[in-house]
Amino acid sequence: MRRFSIAIALTSLLGLTLSGSPRTAAAASFDCERADLAADEKVICDTRTLNDADVKMVTTFDILTSLMAMGNRGKLQDEQSVWLKRRQACGEDVECLRAAYGERLKQLDEAYKNLNRPL
């Protein structure tokens, strides 16, 4: 049986759900209509590829946390908090944000590959 990575599966799913849809008022992890958006959040809301990366990241994160045992789930949540601080440090730098999302998605994909599975 072939094992596909979670990133590939989510990419296909997101391609079906996001193609042709108008810009939404929210990225997956925050509300783009909030008055107090941080600089990184404004850029993510205004840049479709970053918005899509945010949707993919938070969806992957949510799926992973639901599949993990409590101890590993806490570790993944702690890593997410550290990553969010790094993302926020990018401010309005689009390339920095793209790199941050690329890095985090690779980390989440690796976490999926390393999940303990029953035999």
PDB file of N, CA and C in Angstrom:
ATOM      1  N   MET A   1       0.839  -1.182   0.000  1.00  0.00           N
ATOM      2  CA  MET A   1       0.000   0.000   0.000  1.00  0.00           C
ATOM      3  C   MET A   1       0.884   1.246   0.000  1.00  0.00           C
ATOM      4  N   ARG A   2       0.570   2.153  -0.833  1.00  0.00           N
ATOM      5  CA  ARG A   2       1.338   3.390  -0.933  1.00  0.00           C
ATOM      6  C   ARG A   2       0.950   4.357   0.155  1.00  0.00           C
ATOM      7  N   ARG A   3       1.938   4.991   0.740  1.00  0.00           N
ATOM      8  CA  ARG A   3       1.664   5.973   1.792  1.00  0.00           C
ATOM      9  C   ARG A   3       1.938   7.364   1.244  1.00  0.00           C
ATOM     10  N   PHE A   4       0.924   8.203   1.241  1.00  0.00           N
ATOM     11  CA  PHE A   4       1.066   9.570   0.776  1.00  0.00           C
ATOM     12  C   PHE A   4       1.292  10.481   1.960  1.00  0.00           C
ATOM     13  N   SER A   5       2.031  11.530   1.749  1.00  0.00           N
ATOM     14  CA  SER A   5       2.255  12.479   2.836  1.00  0.00           C
ATOM     15  C   SER A   5       1.003  13.309   3.048  1.00  0.00           C
ATOM     16  N   ILE A   6       0.850  13.790   4.253  1.00  0.00           N
ATOM     17  CA  ILE A   6      -0.304  14.622   4.580  1.00  0.00           C
ATOM     18  C   ILE A   6      -0.298  15.896   3.756  1.00  0.00           C
ATOM     19  N   ALA A   7       0.883  16.407   3.440  1.00  0.00           N
ATOM     20  CA  ALA A   7       0.966  17.640   2.657  1.00  0.00           C
ATOM     21  C   ALA A   7       0.386  17.440   1.267  1.00  0.00           C
ATOM     22  N   ILE A   8       0.662  16.308   0.638  1.00  0.00           N
ATOM     23  CA  ILE A   8       0.133  16.044  -0.693  1.00  0.00           C
ATOM     24  C   ILE A   8      -1.382  15.915  -0.638  1.00  0.00           C
ATOM     25  N   ALA A   9      -1.886  15.194   0.345  1.00  0.00           N
ATOM     26  CA  ALA A   9      -3.330  15.023   0.484  1.00  0.00           C
ATOM     27  C   ALA A   9      -4.012  16.366   0.723  1.00  0.00           C
ATOM     28  N   LEU A  10      -3.432  17.188   1.576  1.00  0.00           N
ATOM     29  CA  LEU A  10      -4.037  18.484   1.869  1.00  0.00           C
ATOM     30  C   LEU A  10      -3.950  19.422   0.681  1.00  0.00           C
ATOM     31  N   THR A  11      -2.861  19.342  -0.063  1.00  0.00           N
ATOM     32  CA  THR A  11      -2.727  20.186  -1.242  1.00  0.00           C
ATOM     33  C   THR A  11      -3.849  19.880  -2.221  1.00  0.00           C
ATOM     34  N   SER A  12      -4.134  18.610  -2.422  1.00  0.00           N
ATOM     35  CA  SER A  12      -5.217  18.224  -3.321  1.00  0.00           C
ATOM     36  C   SER A  12      -6.558  18.710  -2.797  1.00  0.00           C
ATOM     37  N   LEU A  13      -6.794  18.509  -1.516  1.00  0.00           N
ATOM     38  CA  LEU A  13      -8.047  18.924  -0.906  1.00  0.00           C
ATOM     39  C   LEU A  13      -8.212  20.432  -0.969  1.00  0.00           C
ATOM     40  N   LEU A  14      -7.174  21.169  -0.641  1.00  0.00           N
ATOM     41  CA  LEU A  14      -7.257  22.625  -0.670  1.00  0.00           C
ATOM     42  C   LEU A  14      -7.433  23.140  -2.089  1.00  0.00           C
ATOM     43  N   GLY A  15      -6.825  22.471  -3.042  1.00  0.00           N
ATOM     44  CA  GLY A  15      -6.983  22.878  -4.430  1.00  0.00           C
ATOM     45  C   GLY A  15      -8.431  22.788  -4.859  1.00  0.00           C
ATOM     46  N   LEU A  16      -9.132  21.766  -4.386  1.00  0.00           N
ATOM     47  CA  LEU A  16     -10.540  21.614  -4.720  1.00  0.00           C
ATOM     48  C   LEU A  16     -11.409  22.640  -4.023  1.00  0.00           C
ATOM     49  N   THR A  17     -11.111  22.934  -2.765  1.00  0.00           N
ATOM     50  CA  THR A  17     -11.973  23.824  -2.001  1.00  0.00           C
ATOM     51  C   THR A  17     -11.673  25.294  -2.228  1.00  0.00           C
ATOM     52  N   LEU A  18     -10.445  25.642  -2.598  1.00  0.00           N
ATOM     53  CA  LEU A  18     -10.085  27.046  -2.722  1.00  0.00           C
ATOM     54  C   LEU A  18     -10.105  27.562  -4.151  1.00  0.00           C
ATOM     55  N   SER A  19     -10.074  26.674  -5.128  1.00  0.00           N
ATOM     56  CA  SER A  19      -9.986  27.149  -6.501  1.00  0.00           C
ATOM     57  C   SER A  19     -11.256  27.892  -6.891  1.00  0.00           C
ATOM     58  N   GLY A  20     -11.049  29.062  -7.422  1.00  0.00           N
ATOM     59  CA  GLY A  20     -12.170  29.835  -7.903  1.00  0.00           C
ATOM     60  C   GLY A  20     -12.971  30.546  -6.826  1.00  0.00           C
ATOM     61  N   SER A  21     -12.642  30.347  -5.570  1.00  0.00           N
ATOM     62  CA  SER A  21     -13.422  31.014  -4.534  1.00  0.00           C
ATOM     63  C   SER A  21     -12.893  32.422  -4.312  1.00  0.00           C
ATOM     64  N   PRO A  22     -13.783  33.347  -3.989  1.00  0.00           N
ATOM     65  CA  PRO A  22     -13.342  34.715  -3.748  1.00  0.00           C
ATOM     66  C   PRO A  22     -12.536  34.813  -2.470  1.00  0.00           C
ATOM     67  N   ARG A  23     -11.787  35.908  -2.308  1.00  0.00           N
ATOM     68  CA  ARG A  23     -10.992  36.119  -1.096  1.00  0.00           C
ATOM     69  C   ARG A  23     -11.914  36.089   0.106  1.00  0.00           C
ATOM     70  N   THR A  24     -11.542  35.321   1.082  1.00  0.00           N
ATOM     71  CA  THR A  24     -12.350  35.221   2.292  1.00  0.00           C
ATOM     72  C   THR A  24     -11.920  36.283   3.279  1.00  0.00           C
ATOM     73  N   ALA A  25     -12.762  36.520   4.269  1.00  0.00           N
ATOM     74  CA  ALA A  25     -12.470  37.531   5.277  1.00  0.00           C
ATOM     75  C   ALA A  25     -11.606  36.973   6.388  1.00  0.00           C
ATOM     76  N   ALA A  26     -11.206  35.736   6.287  1.00  0.00           N
ATOM     77  CA  ALA A  26     -10.399  35.141   7.341  1.00  0.00           C
ATOM     78  C   ALA A  26      -9.385  34.188   6.758  1.00  0.00           C
ATOM     79  N   ALA A  27      -8.210  34.237   7.305  1.00  0.00           N
ATOM     80  CA  ALA A  27      -7.251  33.175   7.070  1.00  0.00           C
ATOM     81  C   ALA A  27      -7.671  32.074   8.039  1.00  0.00           C
ATOM     82  N   ALA A  28      -7.081  30.951   7.958  1.00  0.00           N
ATOM     83  CA  ALA A  28      -7.514  29.848   8.803  1.00  0.00           C
ATOM     84  C   ALA A  28      -7.261  30.099  10.282  1.00  0.00           C
ATOM     85  N   SER A  29      -6.215  30.830  10.608  1.00  0.00           N
ATOM     86  CA  SER A  29      -5.850  30.944  12.020  1.00  0.00           C
ATOM     87  C   SER A  29      -6.211  32.277  12.665  1.00  0.00           C
ATOM     88  N   PHE A  30      -6.778  33.198  11.906  1.00  0.00           N
ATOM     89  CA  PHE A  30      -7.183  34.482  12.495  1.00  0.00           C
ATOM     90  C   PHE A  30      -8.180  35.176  11.573  1.00  0.00           C
ATOM     91  N   ASP A  31      -8.883  36.160  12.118  1.00  0.00           N
ATOM     92  CA  ASP A  31      -9.904  36.907  11.400  1.00  0.00           C
ATOM     93  C   ASP A  31      -9.284  38.130  10.721  1.00  0.00           C
ATOM     94  N   CYS A  32      -9.336  38.169   9.410  1.00  0.00           N
ATOM     95  CA  CYS A  32      -8.747  39.279   8.658  1.00  0.00           C
ATOM     96  C   CYS A  32      -9.521  40.589   8.825  1.00  0.00           C
ATOM     97  N   GLU A  33     -10.690  40.541   9.384  1.00  0.00           N
ATOM     98  CA  GLU A  33     -11.501  41.745   9.579  1.00  0.00           C
ATOM     99  C   GLU A  33     -11.214  42.436  10.910  1.00  0.00           C
ATOM    100  N   ARG A  34     -10.392  41.817  11.764  1.00  0.00           N
ATOM    101  CA  ARG A  34     -10.046  42.436  13.049  1.00  0.00           C
ATOM    102  C   ARG A  34      -9.360  43.780  12.826  1.00  0.00           C
ATOM    103  N   ALA A  35      -9.663  44.737  13.658  1.00  0.00           N
ATOM    104  CA  ALA A  35      -9.059  46.061  13.542  1.00  0.00           C
ATOM    105  C   ALA A  35      -7.605  46.076  14.003  1.00  0.00           C
ATOM    106  N   ASP A  36      -7.236  45.156  14.863  1.00  0.00           N
ATOM    107  CA  ASP A  36      -5.894  45.170  15.468  1.00  0.00           C
ATOM    108  C   ASP A  36      -4.943  44.139  14.863  1.00  0.00           C
ATOM    109  N   LEU A  37      -5.038  43.917  13.554  1.00  0.00           N
ATOM    110  CA  LEU A  37      -4.154  42.948  12.909  1.00  0.00           C
ATOM    111  C   LEU A  37      -2.698  43.376  13.020  1.00  0.00           C
ATOM    112  N   ALA A  38      -1.841  42.414  13.277  1.00  0.00           N
ATOM    113  CA  ALA A  38      -0.399  42.654  13.281  1.00  0.00           C
ATOM    114  C   ALA A  38       0.076  42.783  11.832  1.00  0.00           C
ATOM    115  N   ALA A  39       1.275  43.298  11.655  1.00  0.00           N
ATOM    116  CA  ALA A  39       1.821  43.520  10.306  1.00  0.00           C
ATOM    117  C   ALA A  39       1.855  42.232   9.489  1.00  0.00           C
ATOM    118  N   ASP A  40       2.300  41.125  10.095  1.00  0.00           N
ATOM    119  CA  ASP A  40       2.357  39.854   9.360  1.00  0.00           C
ATOM    120  C   ASP A  40       0.962  39.384   8.974  1.00  0.00           C
ATOM    121  N   GLU A  41      -0.004  39.577   9.846  1.00  0.00           N
ATOM    122  CA  GLU A  41      -1.372  39.143   9.569  1.00  0.00           C
ATOM    123  C   GLU A  41      -1.983  39.944   8.420  1.00  0.00           C
ATOM    124  N   LYS A  42      -1.718  41.249   8.361  1.00  0.00           N
ATOM    125  CA  LYS A  42      -2.225  42.080   7.267  1.00  0.00           C
ATOM    126  C   LYS A  42      -1.707  41.573   5.927  1.00  0.00           C
ATOM    127  N   VAL A  43      -0.414  41.286   5.882  1.00  0.00           N
ATOM    128  CA  VAL A  43       0.191  40.805   4.636  1.00  0.00           C
ATOM    129  C   VAL A  43      -0.387  39.443   4.255  1.00  0.00           C
ATOM    130  N   ILE A  44      -0.585  38.573   5.230  1.00  0.00           N
ATOM    131  CA  ILE A  44      -1.156  37.251   4.954  1.00  0.00           C
ATOM    132  C   ILE A  44      -2.568  37.392   4.402  1.00  0.00           C
ATOM    133  N   CYS A  45      -3.361  38.278   4.975  1.00  0.00           N
ATOM    134  CA  CYS A  45      -4.725  38.501   4.495  1.00  0.00           C
ATOM    135  C   CYS A  45      -4.751  39.063   3.079  1.00  0.00           C
ATOM    136  N   ASP A  46      -3.775  39.903   2.740  1.00  0.00           N
ATOM    137  CA  ASP A  46      -3.750  40.572   1.445  1.00  0.00           C
ATOM    138  C   ASP A  46      -3.013  39.806   0.352  1.00  0.00           C
ATOM    139  N   THR A  47      -2.345  38.733   0.701  1.00  0.00           N
ATOM    140  CA  THR A  47      -1.557  37.962  -0.263  1.00  0.00           C
ATOM    141  C   THR A  47      -2.137  36.555  -0.356  1.00  0.00           C
ATOM    142  N   ARG A  48      -2.787  36.271  -1.465  1.00  0.00           N
ATOM    143  CA  ARG A  48      -3.531  35.009  -1.612  1.00  0.00           C
ATOM    144  C   ARG A  48      -2.659  33.782  -1.331  1.00  0.00           C
ATOM    145  N   THR A  49      -1.438  33.764  -1.835  1.00  0.00           N
ATOM    146  CA  THR A  49      -0.595  32.580  -1.625  1.00  0.00           C
ATOM    147  C   THR A  49      -0.256  32.390  -0.146  1.00  0.00           C
ATOM    148  N   LEU A  50      -0.072  33.495   0.571  1.00  0.00           N
ATOM    149  CA  LEU A  50       0.195  33.389   2.009  1.00  0.00           C
ATOM    150  C   LEU A  50      -1.063  32.986   2.760  1.00  0.00           C
ATOM    151  N   ASN A  51      -2.198  33.517   2.348  1.00  0.00           N
ATOM    152  CA  ASN A  51      -3.461  33.138   2.962  1.00  0.00           C
ATOM    153  C   ASN A  51      -3.687  31.636   2.780  1.00  0.00           C
ATOM    154  N   ASP A  52      -3.450  31.149   1.566  1.00  0.00           N
ATOM    155  CA  ASP A  52      -3.603  29.716   1.289  1.00  0.00           C
ATOM    156  C   ASP A  52      -2.618  28.886   2.114  1.00  0.00           C
ATOM    157  N   ALA A  53      -1.383  29.380   2.258  1.00  0.00           N
ATOM    158  CA  ALA A  53      -0.392  28.678   3.079  1.00  0.00           C
ATOM    159  C   ALA A  53      -0.840  28.616   4.529  1.00  0.00           C
ATOM    160  N   ASP A  54      -1.471  29.695   5.010  1.00  0.00           N
ATOM    161  CA  ASP A  54      -1.977  29.712   6.377  1.00  0.00           C
ATOM    162  C   ASP A  54      -3.091  28.685   6.551  1.00  0.00           C
ATOM    163  N   VAL A  55      -3.980  28.602   5.590  1.00  0.00           N
ATOM    164  CA  VAL A  55      -5.061  27.611   5.632  1.00  0.00           C
ATOM    165  C   VAL A  55      -4.470  26.198   5.676  1.00  0.00           C
ATOM    166  N   LYS A  56      -3.518  25.947   4.799  1.00  0.00           N
ATOM    167  CA  LYS A  56      -2.892  24.624   4.741  1.00  0.00           C
ATOM    168  C   LYS A  56      -2.164  24.299   6.041  1.00  0.00           C
ATOM    169  N   MET A  57      -1.437  25.284   6.577  1.00  0.00           N
ATOM    170  CA  MET A  57      -0.680  25.058   7.803  1.00  0.00           C
ATOM    171  C   MET A  57      -1.601  24.734   8.966  1.00  0.00           C
ATOM    172  N   VAL A  58      -2.623  25.550   9.170  1.00  0.00           N
ATOM    173  CA  VAL A  58      -3.482  25.332  10.333  1.00  0.00           C
ATOM    174  C   VAL A  58      -4.321  24.059  10.177  1.00  0.00           C
ATOM    175  N   THR A  59      -4.709  23.728   8.959  1.00  0.00           N
ATOM    176  CA  THR A  59      -5.453  22.488   8.722  1.00  0.00           C
ATOM    177  C   THR A  59      -4.567  21.285   9.024  1.00  0.00           C
ATOM    178  N   THR A  60      -3.346  21.327   8.545  1.00  0.00           N
ATOM    179  CA  THR A  60      -2.391  20.248   8.814  1.00  0.00           C
ATOM    180  C   THR A  60      -2.134  20.135  10.310  1.00  0.00           C
ATOM    181  N   PHE A  61      -1.921  21.265  10.961  1.00  0.00           N
ATOM    182  CA  PHE A  61      -1.686  21.282  12.403  1.00  0.00           C
ATOM    183  C   PHE A  61      -2.868  20.675  13.151  1.00  0.00           C
ATOM    184  N   ASP A  62      -4.077  21.058  12.797  1.00  0.00           N
ATOM    185  CA  ASP A  62      -5.276  20.531  13.465  1.00  0.00           C
ATOM    186  C   ASP A  62      -5.417  19.022  13.271  1.00  0.00           C
ATOM    187  N   ILE A  63      -5.156  18.555  12.062  1.00  0.00           N
ATOM    188  CA  ILE A  63      -5.235  17.115  11.802  1.00  0.00           C
ATOM    189  C   ILE A  63      -4.200  16.373  12.629  1.00  0.00           C
ATOM    190  N   LEU A  64      -2.977  16.871  12.623  1.00  0.00           N
ATOM    191  CA  LEU A  64      -1.909  16.224  13.386  1.00  0.00           C
ATOM    192  C   LEU A  64      -2.217  16.173  14.877  1.00  0.00           C
ATOM    193  N   THR A  65      -2.680  17.281  15.427  1.00  0.00           N
ATOM    194  CA  THR A  65      -2.946  17.283  16.870  1.00  0.00           C
ATOM    195  C   THR A  65      -4.059  16.312  17.227  1.00  0.00           C
ATOM    196  N   SER A  66      -4.978  16.084  16.308  1.00  0.00           N
ATOM    197  CA  SER A  66      -6.040  15.120  16.593  1.00  0.00           C
ATOM    198  C   SER A  66      -5.548  13.670  16.505  1.00  0.00           C
ATOM    199  N   LEU A  67      -4.449  13.448  15.799  1.00  0.00           N
ATOM    200  CA  LEU A  67      -3.910  12.098  15.629  1.00  0.00           C
ATOM    201  C   LEU A  67      -2.855  11.727  16.670  1.00  0.00           C
ATOM    202  N   MET A  68      -2.344  12.709  17.378  1.00  0.00           N
ATOM    203  CA  MET A  68      -1.223  12.479  18.294  1.00  0.00           C
ATOM    204  C   MET A  68      -1.675  12.172  19.711  1.00  0.00           C
ATOM    205  N   ALA A  69      -0.807  11.441  20.394  1.00  0.00           N
ATOM    206  CA  ALA A  69      -1.005  11.197  21.821  1.00  0.00           C
ATOM    207  C   ALA A  69      -0.769  12.508  22.562  1.00  0.00           C
ATOM    208  N   MET A  70      -1.313  12.615  23.768  1.00  0.00           N
ATOM    209  CA  MET A  70      -1.259  13.867  24.537  1.00  0.00           C
ATOM    210  C   MET A  70       0.153  14.449  24.669  1.00  0.00           C
ATOM    211  N   GLY A  71       1.138  13.662  25.023  1.00  0.00           N
ATOM    212  CA  GLY A  71       2.494  14.173  25.210  1.00  0.00           C
ATOM    213  C   GLY A  71       3.060  14.796  23.950  1.00  0.00           C
ATOM    214  N   ASN A  72       2.889  14.119  22.840  1.00  0.00           N
ATOM    215  CA  ASN A  72       3.383  14.648  21.568  1.00  0.00           C
ATOM    216  C   ASN A  72       2.564  15.844  21.115  1.00  0.00           C
ATOM    217  N   ARG A  73       1.280  15.832  21.428  1.00  0.00           N
ATOM    218  CA  ARG A  73       0.409  16.949  21.058  1.00  0.00           C
ATOM    219  C   ARG A  73       0.893  18.235  21.726  1.00  0.00           C
ATOM    220  N   GLY A  74       1.233  18.149  22.995  1.00  0.00           N
ATOM    221  CA  GLY A  74       1.744  19.316  23.712  1.00  0.00           C
ATOM    222  C   GLY A  74       3.029  19.828  23.111  1.00  0.00           C
ATOM    223  N   LYS A  75       3.896  18.917  22.718  1.00  0.00           N
ATOM    224  CA  LYS A  75       5.161  19.304  22.086  1.00  0.00           C
ATOM    225  C   LYS A  75       4.890  20.029  20.761  1.00  0.00           C
ATOM    226  N   LEU A  76       3.965  19.501  19.979  1.00  0.00           N
ATOM    227  CA  LEU A  76       3.630  20.123  18.702  1.00  0.00           C
ATOM    228  C   LEU A  76       3.030  21.520  18.923  1.00  0.00           C
ATOM    229  N   GLN A  77       2.204  21.668  19.941  1.00  0.00           N
ATOM    230  CA  GLN A  77       1.609  22.964  20.257  1.00  0.00           C
ATOM    231  C   GLN A  77       2.680  23.963  20.708  1.00  0.00           C
ATOM    232  N   ASP A  78       3.639  23.490  21.486  1.00  0.00           N
ATOM    233  CA  ASP A  78       4.746  24.361  21.905  1.00  0.00           C
ATOM    234  C   ASP A  78       5.570  24.814  20.696  1.00  0.00           C
ATOM    235  N   GLU A  79       5.840  23.894  19.781  1.00  0.00           N
ATOM    236  CA  GLU A  79       6.582  24.225  18.562  1.00  0.00           C
ATOM    237  C   GLU A  79       5.811  25.243  17.721  1.00  0.00           C
ATOM    238  N   GLN A  80       4.485  25.111  17.714  1.00  0.00           N
ATOM    239  CA  GLN A  80       3.654  26.048  16.949  1.00  0.00           C
ATOM    240  C   GLN A  80       3.756  27.459  17.534  1.00  0.00           C
ATOM    241  N   SER A  81       3.783  27.559  18.846  1.00  0.00           N
ATOM    242  CA  SER A  81       3.913  28.870  19.503  1.00  0.00           C
ATOM    243  C   SER A  81       5.248  29.522  19.155  1.00  0.00           C
ATOM    244  N   VAL A  82       6.310  28.728  19.156  1.00  0.00           N
ATOM    245  CA  VAL A  82       7.635  29.237  18.793  1.00  0.00           C
ATOM    246  C   VAL A  82       7.626  29.694  17.336  1.00  0.00           C
ATOM    247  N   TRP A  83       7.022  28.886  16.461  1.00  0.00           N
ATOM    248  CA  TRP A  83       6.959  29.231  15.043  1.00  0.00           C
ATOM    249  C   TRP A  83       6.157  30.521  14.832  1.00  0.00           C
ATOM    250  N   LEU A  84       5.054  30.682  15.538  1.00  0.00           N
ATOM    251  CA  LEU A  84       4.242  31.890  15.382  1.00  0.00           C
ATOM    252  C   LEU A  84       5.044  33.147  15.724  1.00  0.00           C
ATOM    253  N   LYS A  85       5.889  33.059  16.717  1.00  0.00           N
ATOM    254  CA  LYS A  85       6.741  34.206  17.070  1.00  0.00           C
ATOM    255  C   LYS A  85       7.718  34.510  15.934  1.00  0.00           C
ATOM    256  N   ARG A  86       8.261  33.470  15.318  1.00  0.00           N
ATOM    257  CA  ARG A  86       9.165  33.674  14.177  1.00  0.00           C
ATOM    258  C   ARG A  86       8.404  34.294  13.000  1.00  0.00           C
ATOM    259  N   ARG A  87       7.173  33.811  12.774  1.00  0.00           N
ATOM    260  CA  ARG A  87       6.370  34.374  11.689  1.00  0.00           C
ATOM    261  C   ARG A  87       6.079  35.846  11.955  1.00  0.00           C
ATOM    262  N   GLN A  88       5.725  36.172  13.171  1.00  0.00           N
ATOM    263  CA  GLN A  88       5.427  37.558  13.527  1.00  0.00           C
ATOM    264  C   GLN A  88       6.649  38.452  13.330  1.00  0.00           C
ATOM    265  N   ALA A  89       7.829  37.914  13.562  1.00  0.00           N
ATOM    266  CA  ALA A  89       9.062  38.686  13.393  1.00  0.00           C
ATOM    267  C   ALA A  89       9.291  39.063  11.932  1.00  0.00           C
ATOM    268  N   CYS A  90       8.644  38.375  10.996  1.00  0.00           N
ATOM    269  CA  CYS A  90       8.776  38.714   9.576  1.00  0.00           C
ATOM    270  C   CYS A  90       8.117  40.050   9.259  1.00  0.00           C
ATOM    271  N   GLY A  91       7.146  40.445  10.061  1.00  0.00           N
ATOM    272  CA  GLY A  91       6.447  41.694   9.789  1.00  0.00           C
ATOM    273  C   GLY A  91       5.821  41.686   8.411  1.00  0.00           C
ATOM    274  N   GLU A  92       6.136  42.691   7.596  1.00  0.00           N
ATOM    275  CA  GLU A  92       5.553  42.840   6.256  1.00  0.00           C
ATOM    276  C   GLU A  92       6.401  42.196   5.155  1.00  0.00           C
ATOM    277  N   ASP A  93       7.437  41.477   5.515  1.00  0.00           N
ATOM    278  CA  ASP A  93       8.355  40.867   4.551  1.00  0.00           C
ATOM    279  C   ASP A  93       7.731  39.593   3.958  1.00  0.00           C
ATOM    280  N   VAL A  94       7.213  39.706   2.746  1.00  0.00           N
ATOM    281  CA  VAL A  94       6.503  38.604   2.089  1.00  0.00           C
ATOM    282  C   VAL A  94       7.399  37.380   1.932  1.00  0.00           C
ATOM    283  N   GLU A  95       8.646  37.593   1.505  1.00  0.00           N
ATOM    284  CA  GLU A  95       9.546  36.450   1.296  1.00  0.00           C
ATOM    285  C   GLU A  95       9.857  35.746   2.613  1.00  0.00           C
ATOM    286  N   CYS A  96      10.023  36.496   3.668  1.00  0.00           N
ATOM    287  CA  CYS A  96      10.248  35.915   4.989  1.00  0.00           C
ATOM    288  C   CYS A  96       9.037  35.078   5.400  1.00  0.00           C
ATOM    289  N   LEU A  97       7.837  35.595   5.152  1.00  0.00           N
ATOM    290  CA  LEU A  97       6.614  34.862   5.492  1.00  0.00           C
ATOM    291  C   LEU A  97       6.492  33.589   4.665  1.00  0.00           C
ATOM    292  N   ARG A  98       6.810  33.677   3.378  1.00  0.00           N
ATOM    293  CA  ARG A  98       6.761  32.476   2.523  1.00  0.00           C
ATOM    294  C   ARG A  98       7.728  31.410   3.045  1.00  0.00           C
ATOM    295  N   ALA A  99       8.911  31.847   3.394  1.00  0.00           N
ATOM    296  CA  ALA A  99       9.913  30.908   3.914  1.00  0.00           C
ATOM    297  C   ALA A  99       9.445  30.304   5.241  1.00  0.00           C
ATOM    298  N   ALA A 100       8.844  31.119   6.095  1.00  0.00           N
ATOM    299  CA  ALA A 100       8.364  30.628   7.391  1.00  0.00           C
ATOM    300  C   ALA A 100       7.290  29.561   7.195  1.00  0.00           C
ATOM    301  N   TYR A 101       6.355  29.815   6.294  1.00  0.00           N
ATOM    302  CA  TYR A 101       5.311  28.811   6.040  1.00  0.00           C
ATOM    303  C   TYR A 101       5.896  27.555   5.410  1.00  0.00           C
ATOM    304  N   GLY A 102       6.818  27.714   4.478  1.00  0.00           N
ATOM    305  CA  GLY A 102       7.445  26.546   3.865  1.00  0.00           C
ATOM    306  C   GLY A 102       8.155  25.690   4.894  1.00  0.00           C
ATOM    307  N   GLU A 103       8.876  26.341   5.788  1.00  0.00           N
ATOM    308  CA  GLU A 103       9.590  25.632   6.853  1.00  0.00           C
ATOM    309  C   GLU A 103       8.602  24.901   7.775  1.00  0.00           C
ATOM    310  N   ARG A 104       7.548  25.594   8.182  1.00  0.00           N
ATOM    311  CA  ARG A 104       6.596  24.975   9.119  1.00  0.00           C
ATOM    312  C   ARG A 104       5.858  23.813   8.469  1.00  0.00           C
ATOM    313  N   LEU A 105       5.484  23.955   7.221  1.00  0.00           N
ATOM    314  CA  LEU A 105       4.787  22.859   6.547  1.00  0.00           C
ATOM    315  C   LEU A 105       5.687  21.630   6.408  1.00  0.00           C
ATOM    316  N   LYS A 106       6.975  21.849   6.171  1.00  0.00           N
ATOM    317  CA  LYS A 106       7.920  20.723   6.126  1.00  0.00           C
ATOM    318  C   LYS A 106       8.003  20.045   7.491  1.00  0.00           C
ATOM    319  N   GLN A 107       8.048  20.849   8.555  1.00  0.00           N
ATOM    320  CA  GLN A 107       8.102  20.290   9.911  1.00  0.00           C
ATOM    321  C   GLN A 107       6.842  19.471  10.220  1.00  0.00           C
ATOM    322  N   LEU A 108       5.693  19.989   9.829  1.00  0.00           N
ATOM    323  CA  LEU A 108       4.440  19.274  10.092  1.00  0.00           C
ATOM    324  C   LEU A 108       4.353  17.994   9.262  1.00  0.00           C
ATOM    325  N   ASP A 109       4.834  18.050   8.037  1.00  0.00           N
ATOM    326  CA  ASP A 109       4.853  16.855   7.198  1.00  0.00           C
ATOM    327  C   ASP A 109       5.763  15.794   7.815  1.00  0.00           C
ATOM    328  N   GLU A 110       6.892  16.224   8.338  1.00  0.00           N
ATOM    329  CA  GLU A 110       7.822  15.300   8.997  1.00  0.00           C
ATOM    330  C   GLU A 110       7.183  14.703  10.257  1.00  0.00           C
ATOM    331  N   ALA A 111       6.467  15.515  11.005  1.00  0.00           N
ATOM    332  CA  ALA A 111       5.775  15.022  12.200  1.00  0.00           C
ATOM    333  C   ALA A 111       4.745  13.970  11.817  1.00  0.00           C
ATOM    334  N   TYR A 112       4.066  14.171  10.696  1.00  0.00           N
ATOM    335  CA  TYR A 112       3.092  13.175  10.226  1.00  0.00           C
ATOM    336  C   TYR A 112       3.787  11.868   9.851  1.00  0.00           C
ATOM    337  N   LYS A 113       4.895  11.979   9.162  1.00  0.00           N
ATOM    338  CA  LYS A 113       5.636  10.779   8.760  1.00  0.00           C
ATOM    339  C   LYS A 113       6.127   9.994   9.974  1.00  0.00           C
ATOM    340  N   ASN A 114       6.375  10.678  11.081  1.00  0.00           N
ATOM    341  CA  ASN A 114       6.906  10.026  12.273  1.00  0.00           C
ATOM    342  C   ASN A 114       5.839   9.624  13.297  1.00  0.00           C
ATOM    343  N   LEU A 115       4.566   9.753  12.931  1.00  0.00           N
ATOM    344  CA  LEU A 115       3.500   9.336  13.845  1.00  0.00           C
ATOM    345  C   LEU A 115       3.609   7.854  14.154  1.00  0.00           C
ATOM    346  N   ASN A 116       3.377   7.495  15.400  1.00  0.00           N
ATOM    347  CA  ASN A 116       3.309   6.080  15.767  1.00  0.00           C
ATOM    348  C   ASN A 116       2.001   5.517  15.242  1.00  0.00           C
ATOM    349  N   ARG A 117       2.125   4.466  14.459  1.00  0.00           N
ATOM    350  CA  ARG A 117       0.940   3.825  13.881  1.00  0.00           C
ATOM    351  C   ARG A 117       0.876   2.386  14.364  1.00  0.00           C
ATOM    352  N   PRO A 118      -0.341   1.901  14.607  1.00  0.00           N
ATOM    353  CA  PRO A 118      -0.464   0.500  14.994  1.00  0.00           C
ATOM    354  C   PRO A 118      -0.041  -0.403  13.825  1.00  0.00           C
ATOM    355  N   LEU A 119       0.477  -1.539  14.163  1.00  0.00           N
ATOM    356  CA  LEU A 119       0.937  -2.468  13.115  1.00  0.00           C
ATOM    357  C   LEU A 119      -0.167  -3.061  12.342  1.00  0.00           C
TER     358      LEU A 119
END
